[in-house]
All heavy atoms as atom14 arrays in JSON, in Angstrom:
{
  "sequence": "FAWEDVEAGAYMDPDYLKPIDNKGEPLTLRENDQ",
  "atom14_mask": [
    [1, 1, 1, 1, 1, 1, 1, 1, 1, 1, 1, 0, 0, 0],
    [1, 1, 1, 1, 1, 0, 0, 0, 0, 0, 0, 0, 0, 0],
    [1, 1, 1, 1, 1, 1, 1, 1, 1, 1, 1, 1, 1, 1],
    [1, 1, 1, 1, 1, 1, 1, 1, 1, 0, 0, 0, 0, 0],
    [1, 1, 1, 1, 1, 1, 1, 1, 0, 0, 0, 0, 0, 0],
    [1, 1, 1, 1, 1, 1, 1, 0, 0, 0, 0, 0, 0, 0],
    [1, 1, 1, 1, 1, 1, 1, 1, 1, 0, 0, 0, 0, 0],
    [1, 1, 1, 1, 1, 0, 0, 0, 0, 0, 0, 0, 0, 0],
    [1, 1, 1, 1, 0, 0, 0, 0, 0, 0, 0, 0, 0, 0],
    [1, 1, 1, 1, 1, 0, 0, 0, 0, 0, 0, 0, 0, 0],
    [1, 1, 1, 1, 1, 1, 1, 1, 1, 1, 1, 1, 0, 0],
    [1, 1, 1, 1, 1, 1, 1, 1, 0, 0, 0, 0, 0, 0],
    [1, 1, 1, 1, 1, 1, 1, 1, 0, 0, 0, 0, 0, 0],
    [1, 1, 1, 1, 1, 1, 1, 0, 0, 0, 0, 0, 0, 0],
    [1, 1, 1, 1, 1, 1, 1, 1, 0, 0, 0, 0, 0, 0],
    [1, 1, 1, 1, 1, 1, 1, 1, 1, 1, 1, 1, 0, 0],
    [1, 1, 1, 1, 1, 1, 1, 1, 0, 0, 0, 0, 0, 0],
    [1, 1, 1, 1, 1, 1, 1, 1, 1, 0, 0, 0, 0, 0],
    [1, 1, 1, 1, 1, 1, 1, 0, 0, 0, 0, 0, 0, 0],
    [1, 1, 1, 1, 1, 1, 1, 1, 0, 0, 0, 0, 0, 0],
    [1, 1, 1, 1, 1, 1, 1, 1, 0, 0, 0, 0, 0, 0],
    [1, 1, 1, 1, 1, 1, 1, 1, 0, 0, 0, 0, 0, 0],
    [1, 1, 1, 1, 1, 1, 1, 1, 1, 0, 0, 0, 0, 0],
    [1, 1, 1, 1, 0, 0, 0, 0, 0, 0, 0, 0, 0, 0],
    [1, 1, 1, 1, 1, 1, 1, 1, 1, 0, 0, 0, 0, 0],
    [1, 1, 1, 1, 1, 1, 1, 0, 0, 0, 0, 0, 0, 0],
    [1, 1, 1, 1, 1, 1, 1, 1, 0, 0, 0, 0, 0, 0],
    [1, 1, 1, 1, 1, 1, 1, 0, 0, 0, 0, 0, 0, 0],
    [1, 1, 1, 1, 1, 1, 1, 1, 0, 0, 0, 0, 0, 0],
    [1, 1, 1, 1, 1, 1, 1, 1, 1, 1, 1, 0, 0, 0],
    [1, 1, 1, 1, 1, 1, 1, 1, 1, 0, 0, 0, 0, 0],
    [1, 1, 1, 1, 1, 1, 1, 1, 0, 0, 0, 0, 0, 0],
    [1, 1, 1, 1, 1, 1, 1, 1, 0, 0, 0, 0, 0, 0],
    [1, 1, 1, 1, 1, 1, 1, 1, 1, 0, 0, 0, 0, 0]
  ],
  "atom14_positions": [
    [[94.1, 106.55, 109.44], [94.07, 107.96, 109.83], [95.45, 108.43, 110.27], [96.26, 107.59, 110.69], [93.09, 108.19, 111.0], [91.67, 107.87, 110.68], [91.14, 106.57, 110.76], [90.78, 108.91, 110.37], [89.83, 106.33, 110.56], [89.43, 108.64, 110.13], [88.96, 107.37, 110.2], [0.0, 0.0, 0.0], [0.0, 0.0, 0.0], [0.0, 0.0, 0.0]],
    [[95.67, 109.71, 110.17], [96.9, 110.32, 110.69], [96.49, 111.63, 111.41], [95.96, 112.55, 110.78], [97.92, 110.61, 109.62], [0.0, 0.0, 0.0], [0.0, 0.0, 0.0], [0.0, 0.0, 0.0], [0.0, 0.0, 0.0], [0.0, 0.0, 0.0], [0.0, 0.0, 0.0], [0.0, 0.0, 0.0], [0.0, 0.0, 0.0], [0.0, 0.0, 0.0]],
    [[96.76, 111.7, 112.72], [96.42, 112.88, 113.5], [97.68, 113.66, 113.9], [98.73, 113.09, 114.2], [95.72, 112.47, 114.79], [94.28, 112.16, 114.68], [93.21, 113.05, 114.71], [93.66, 110.85, 114.59], [92.03, 112.38, 114.63], [92.24, 111.04, 114.53], [94.16, 109.55, 114.53], [91.35, 110.0, 114.42], [93.28, 108.51, 114.39], [91.88, 108.72, 114.38]],
    [[97.51, 114.98, 113.91], [98.56, 115.82, 114.46], [98.57, 115.74, 115.98], [99.62, 115.75, 116.61], [98.35, 117.28, 114.03], [99.47, 118.24, 114.53], [99.26, 119.63, 114.02], [98.13, 119.99, 113.53], [100.23, 120.43, 114.09], [0.0, 0.0, 0.0], [0.0, 0.0, 0.0], [0.0, 0.0, 0.0], [0.0, 0.0, 0.0], [0.0, 0.0, 0.0]],
    [[97.35, 115.59, 116.57], [97.23, 115.5, 118.02], [96.0, 114.71, 118.35], [94.88, 115.07, 117.95], [97.12, 116.95, 118.61], [97.06, 116.96, 120.14], [97.44, 115.92, 120.73], [96.67, 118.0, 120.68], [0.0, 0.0, 0.0], [0.0, 0.0, 0.0], [0.0, 0.0, 0.0], [0.0, 0.0, 0.0], [0.0, 0.0, 0.0], [0.0, 0.0, 0.0]],
    [[96.19, 113.6, 119.06], [95.05, 112.76, 119.42], [95.35, 112.12, 120.77], [96.48, 111.7, 121.07], [94.81, 111.67, 118.37], [95.98, 110.72, 118.2], [93.51, 110.89, 118.66], [0.0, 0.0, 0.0], [0.0, 0.0, 0.0], [0.0, 0.0, 0.0], [0.0, 0.0, 0.0], [0.0, 0.0, 0.0], [0.0, 0.0, 0.0], [0.0, 0.0, 0.0]],
    [[94.29, 112.07, 121.6], [94.47, 111.4, 122.89], [94.61, 109.91, 122.72], [93.91, 109.29, 121.88], [93.22, 111.73, 123.77], [93.28, 111.08, 125.14], [91.98, 111.34, 125.9], [91.09, 112.02, 125.37], [91.86, 110.85, 127.05], [0.0, 0.0, 0.0], [0.0, 0.0, 0.0], [0.0, 0.0, 0.0], [0.0, 0.0, 0.0], [0.0, 0.0, 0.0]],
    [[95.5, 109.3, 123.47], [95.73, 107.85, 123.33], [94.42, 107.08, 123.55], [93.74, 107.26, 124.51], [96.75, 107.39, 124.34], [0.0, 0.0, 0.0], [0.0, 0.0, 0.0], [0.0, 0.0, 0.0], [0.0, 0.0, 0.0], [0.0, 0.0, 0.0], [0.0, 0.0, 0.0], [0.0, 0.0, 0.0], [0.0, 0.0, 0.0], [0.0, 0.0, 0.0]],
    [[94.09, 106.24, 122.57], [92.89, 105.41, 122.68], [91.59, 106.08, 122.27], [90.57, 105.39, 122.2], [0.0, 0.0, 0.0], [0.0, 0.0, 0.0], [0.0, 0.0, 0.0], [0.0, 0.0, 0.0], [0.0, 0.0, 0.0], [0.0, 0.0, 0.0], [0.0, 0.0, 0.0], [0.0, 0.0, 0.0], [0.0, 0.0, 0.0], [0.0, 0.0, 0.0]],
    [[91.62, 107.38, 121.99], [90.37, 108.07, 121.65], [89.76, 107.52, 120.37], [88.55, 107.53, 120.2], [90.63, 109.56, 121.49], [0.0, 0.0, 0.0], [0.0, 0.0, 0.0], [0.0, 0.0, 0.0], [0.0, 0.0, 0.0], [0.0, 0.0, 0.0], [0.0, 0.0, 0.0], [0.0, 0.0, 0.0], [0.0, 0.0, 0.0], [0.0, 0.0, 0.0]],
    [[90.61, 107.02, 119.48], [90.15, 106.53, 118.2], [89.36, 105.21, 118.35], [88.78, 104.71, 117.35], [91.32, 106.3, 117.24], [92.57, 105.78, 117.93], [92.68, 104.42, 118.29], [93.63, 106.63, 118.22], [93.79, 103.96, 118.93], [94.76, 106.14, 118.89], [94.84, 104.81, 119.21], [96.0, 104.33, 119.88], [0.0, 0.0, 0.0], [0.0, 0.0, 0.0]],
    [[89.29, 104.63, 119.54], [88.42, 103.46, 119.75], [87.0, 103.88, 120.1], [86.1, 103.03, 120.25], [88.99, 102.59, 120.88], [90.29, 101.88, 120.5], [90.87, 100.7, 121.78], [89.57, 99.44, 121.64], [0.0, 0.0, 0.0], [0.0, 0.0, 0.0], [0.0, 0.0, 0.0], [0.0, 0.0, 0.0], [0.0, 0.0, 0.0], [0.0, 0.0, 0.0]],
    [[86.76, 105.18, 120.26], [85.43, 105.68, 120.61], [84.68, 106.09, 119.34], [85.08, 107.0, 118.62], [85.58, 106.93, 121.49], [84.27, 107.52, 121.97], [83.22, 107.09, 121.45], [84.31, 108.4, 122.81], [0.0, 0.0, 0.0], [0.0, 0.0, 0.0], [0.0, 0.0, 0.0], [0.0, 0.0, 0.0], [0.0, 0.0, 0.0], [0.0, 0.0, 0.0]],
    [[83.58, 105.37, 119.01], [82.83, 105.68, 117.77], [82.35, 107.14, 117.73], [82.33, 107.72, 116.63], [81.66, 104.71, 117.81], [82.07, 103.58, 118.68], [82.99, 104.24, 119.71], [0.0, 0.0, 0.0], [0.0, 0.0, 0.0], [0.0, 0.0, 0.0], [0.0, 0.0, 0.0], [0.0, 0.0, 0.0], [0.0, 0.0, 0.0], [0.0, 0.0, 0.0]],
    [[81.98, 107.72, 118.83], [81.55, 109.1, 118.84], [82.66, 110.06, 118.48], [82.42, 111.1, 117.86], [80.97, 109.47, 120.22], [79.65, 108.74, 120.49], [78.94, 108.4, 119.52], [79.33, 108.51, 121.71], [0.0, 0.0, 0.0], [0.0, 0.0, 0.0], [0.0, 0.0, 0.0], [0.0, 0.0, 0.0], [0.0, 0.0, 0.0], [0.0, 0.0, 0.0]],
    [[83.86, 109.75, 118.89], [85.02, 110.56, 118.54], [85.28, 110.53, 117.05], [85.66, 111.55, 116.46], [86.25, 110.06, 119.32], [87.5, 110.86, 119.04], [87.76, 112.05, 119.68], [88.48, 110.39, 118.13], [88.91, 112.77, 119.42], [89.61, 111.1, 117.9], [89.83, 112.27, 118.55], [90.98, 112.98, 118.28], [0.0, 0.0, 0.0], [0.0, 0.0, 0.0]],
    [[85.1, 109.35, 116.44], [85.41, 109.21, 115.03], [84.34, 109.75, 114.11], [84.57, 110.07, 112.94], [85.64, 107.73, 114.69], [86.92, 107.07, 115.22], [86.92, 105.63, 114.87], [88.15, 107.76, 114.65], [0.0, 0.0, 0.0], [0.0, 0.0, 0.0], [0.0, 0.0, 0.0], [0.0, 0.0, 0.0], [0.0, 0.0, 0.0], [0.0, 0.0, 0.0]],
    [[83.11, 109.87, 114.63], [81.96, 110.2, 113.79], [82.19, 111.45, 112.92], [81.89, 111.44, 111.7], [80.72, 110.34, 114.66], [79.42, 110.36, 113.83], [78.19, 110.39, 114.81], [78.14, 109.09, 115.63], [76.94, 109.1, 116.51], [0.0, 0.0, 0.0], [0.0, 0.0, 0.0], [0.0, 0.0, 0.0], [0.0, 0.0, 0.0], [0.0, 0.0, 0.0]],
    [[82.71, 112.59, 113.46], [82.86, 113.8, 112.63], [83.87, 113.65, 111.5], [83.84, 114.43, 110.54], [83.31, 114.86, 113.63], [82.96, 114.3, 114.98], [83.09, 112.83, 114.86], [0.0, 0.0, 0.0], [0.0, 0.0, 0.0], [0.0, 0.0, 0.0], [0.0, 0.0, 0.0], [0.0, 0.0, 0.0], [0.0, 0.0, 0.0], [0.0, 0.0, 0.0]],
    [[84.77, 112.69, 111.62], [85.82, 112.58, 110.61], [85.87, 111.22, 109.92], [86.87, 110.9, 109.26], [87.2, 112.85, 111.26], [87.44, 111.92, 112.43], [87.36, 114.33, 111.63], [88.88, 111.83, 112.85], [0.0, 0.0, 0.0], [0.0, 0.0, 0.0], [0.0, 0.0, 0.0], [0.0, 0.0, 0.0], [0.0, 0.0, 0.0], [0.0, 0.0, 0.0]],
    [[84.83, 110.45, 110.1], [84.85, 109.11, 109.52], [85.11, 109.11, 108.02], [85.76, 108.21, 107.5], [83.53, 108.38, 109.82], [83.56, 106.91, 109.38], [84.36, 106.16, 109.97], [82.77, 106.57, 108.49], [0.0, 0.0, 0.0], [0.0, 0.0, 0.0], [0.0, 0.0, 0.0], [0.0, 0.0, 0.0], [0.0, 0.0, 0.0], [0.0, 0.0, 0.0]],
    [[84.59, 110.14, 107.38], [84.78, 110.21, 105.88], [86.2, 110.54, 105.51], [86.57, 110.42, 104.32], [83.83, 111.22, 105.29], [84.04, 112.61, 105.79], [84.73, 112.84, 106.76], [83.44, 113.6, 105.12], [0.0, 0.0, 0.0], [0.0, 0.0, 0.0], [0.0, 0.0, 0.0], [0.0, 0.0, 0.0], [0.0, 0.0, 0.0], [0.0, 0.0, 0.0]],
    [[87.04, 110.95, 106.45], [88.45, 111.2, 106.2], [89.28, 109.96, 106.31], [90.44, 109.96, 105.89], [88.97, 112.29, 107.14], [88.36, 113.66, 106.92], [89.03, 114.7, 107.79], [88.41, 116.1, 107.55], [89.09, 117.15, 108.39], [0.0, 0.0, 0.0], [0.0, 0.0, 0.0], [0.0, 0.0, 0.0], [0.0, 0.0, 0.0], [0.0, 0.0, 0.0]],
    [[88.71, 108.88, 106.87], [89.43, 107.65, 106.96], [89.55, 106.97, 105.61], [88.53, 106.85, 104.87], [0.0, 0.0, 0.0], [0.0, 0.0, 0.0], [0.0, 0.0, 0.0], [0.0, 0.0, 0.0], [0.0, 0.0, 0.0], [0.0, 0.0, 0.0], [0.0, 0.0, 0.0], [0.0, 0.0, 0.0], [0.0, 0.0, 0.0], [0.0, 0.0, 0.0]],
    [[90.72, 106.6, 105.25], [90.97, 105.99, 103.92], [90.91, 104.48, 103.99], [91.62, 103.86, 104.78], [92.29, 106.46, 103.37], [92.38, 107.98, 103.24], [93.76, 108.47, 102.86], [94.4, 107.76, 102.02], [94.22, 109.5, 103.34], [0.0, 0.0, 0.0], [0.0, 0.0, 0.0], [0.0, 0.0, 0.0], [0.0, 0.0, 0.0], [0.0, 0.0, 0.0]],
    [[90.0, 103.81, 103.24], [89.82, 102.37, 103.37], [91.1, 101.64, 102.99], [91.87, 102.07, 102.14], [88.68, 102.06, 102.33], [88.0, 103.36, 102.17], [89.03, 104.41, 102.31], [0.0, 0.0, 0.0], [0.0, 0.0, 0.0], [0.0, 0.0, 0.0], [0.0, 0.0, 0.0], [0.0, 0.0, 0.0], [0.0, 0.0, 0.0], [0.0, 0.0, 0.0]],
    [[91.28, 100.47, 103.62], [92.48, 99.69, 103.41], [92.15, 98.21, 103.57], [91.68, 97.81, 104.65], [93.59, 100.1, 104.34], [94.87, 99.27, 104.37], [95.57, 99.35, 103.0], [95.81, 99.71, 105.47], [0.0, 0.0, 0.0], [0.0, 0.0, 0.0], [0.0, 0.0, 0.0], [0.0, 0.0, 0.0], [0.0, 0.0, 0.0], [0.0, 0.0, 0.0]],
    [[92.35, 97.44, 102.53], [92.17, 95.99, 102.62], [93.53, 95.31, 102.61], [94.36, 95.57, 101.73], [91.35, 95.44, 101.43], [90.04, 96.05, 101.47], [91.19, 93.93, 101.52], [0.0, 0.0, 0.0], [0.0, 0.0, 0.0], [0.0, 0.0, 0.0], [0.0, 0.0, 0.0], [0.0, 0.0, 0.0], [0.0, 0.0, 0.0], [0.0, 0.0, 0.0]],
    [[93.81, 94.47, 103.65], [95.07, 93.81, 103.77], [94.85, 92.31, 103.71], [94.01, 91.76, 104.47], [95.76, 94.19, 105.05], [96.27, 95.63, 105.15], [96.81, 95.9, 106.54], [97.31, 95.94, 104.07], [0.0, 0.0, 0.0], [0.0, 0.0, 0.0], [0.0, 0.0, 0.0], [0.0, 0.0, 0.0], [0.0, 0.0, 0.0], [0.0, 0.0, 0.0]],
    [[95.64, 91.62, 102.89], [95.62, 90.19, 102.85], [96.97, 89.66, 103.37], [97.87, 90.43, 103.62], [95.34, 89.69, 101.4], [93.98, 90.1, 100.91], [93.74, 89.6, 99.47], [92.35, 89.89, 99.05], [91.97, 91.04, 98.51], [92.85, 92.04, 98.34], [90.71, 91.24, 98.16], [0.0, 0.0, 0.0], [0.0, 0.0, 0.0], [0.0, 0.0, 0.0]],
    [[97.07, 88.37, 103.53], [98.31, 87.82, 104.07], [99.49, 88.16, 103.17], [99.38, 88.17, 101.94], [98.18, 86.28, 104.19], [97.29, 85.85, 105.34], [97.46, 84.4, 105.69], [97.86, 83.61, 104.78], [97.24, 84.02, 106.83], [0.0, 0.0, 0.0], [0.0, 0.0, 0.0], [0.0, 0.0, 0.0], [0.0, 0.0, 0.0], [0.0, 0.0, 0.0]],
    [[100.58, 88.53, 103.81], [101.84, 88.86, 103.18], [101.79, 90.17, 102.39], [102.75, 90.55, 101.7], [102.34, 87.75, 102.26], [102.88, 86.56, 103.05], [103.56, 86.75, 104.03], [102.53, 85.35, 102.61], [0.0, 0.0, 0.0], [0.0, 0.0, 0.0], [0.0, 0.0, 0.0], [0.0, 0.0, 0.0], [0.0, 0.0, 0.0], [0.0, 0.0, 0.0]],
    [[100.67, 90.93, 102.46], [100.61, 92.2, 101.75], [101.68, 93.14, 102.32], [101.91, 93.19, 103.52], [99.25, 92.85, 101.92], [98.26, 92.45, 100.85], [98.7, 91.77, 99.92], [97.08, 92.79, 100.95], [0.0, 0.0, 0.0], [0.0, 0.0, 0.0], [0.0, 0.0, 0.0], [0.0, 0.0, 0.0], [0.0, 0.0, 0.0], [0.0, 0.0, 0.0]],
    [[102.29, 93.9, 101.42], [103.23, 94.99, 101.8], [102.83, 96.18, 100.94], [103.27, 96.32, 99.8], [104.68, 94.57, 101.57], [105.09, 93.43, 102.47], [106.62, 93.25, 102.47], [107.37, 94.16, 102.16], [107.09, 92.07, 102.87], [0.0, 0.0, 0.0], [0.0, 0.0, 0.0], [0.0, 0.0, 0.0], [0.0, 0.0, 0.0], [0.0, 0.0, 0.0]]
  ]
}
């Protein structure tokens, strides 16, 4: 995610993320991925 304005740590709250969860872009990372 990328926010213009977000309270520190708010993104660890599932209720905070619920309205915008579909805006989160999936990302799979393996070892040494760049």
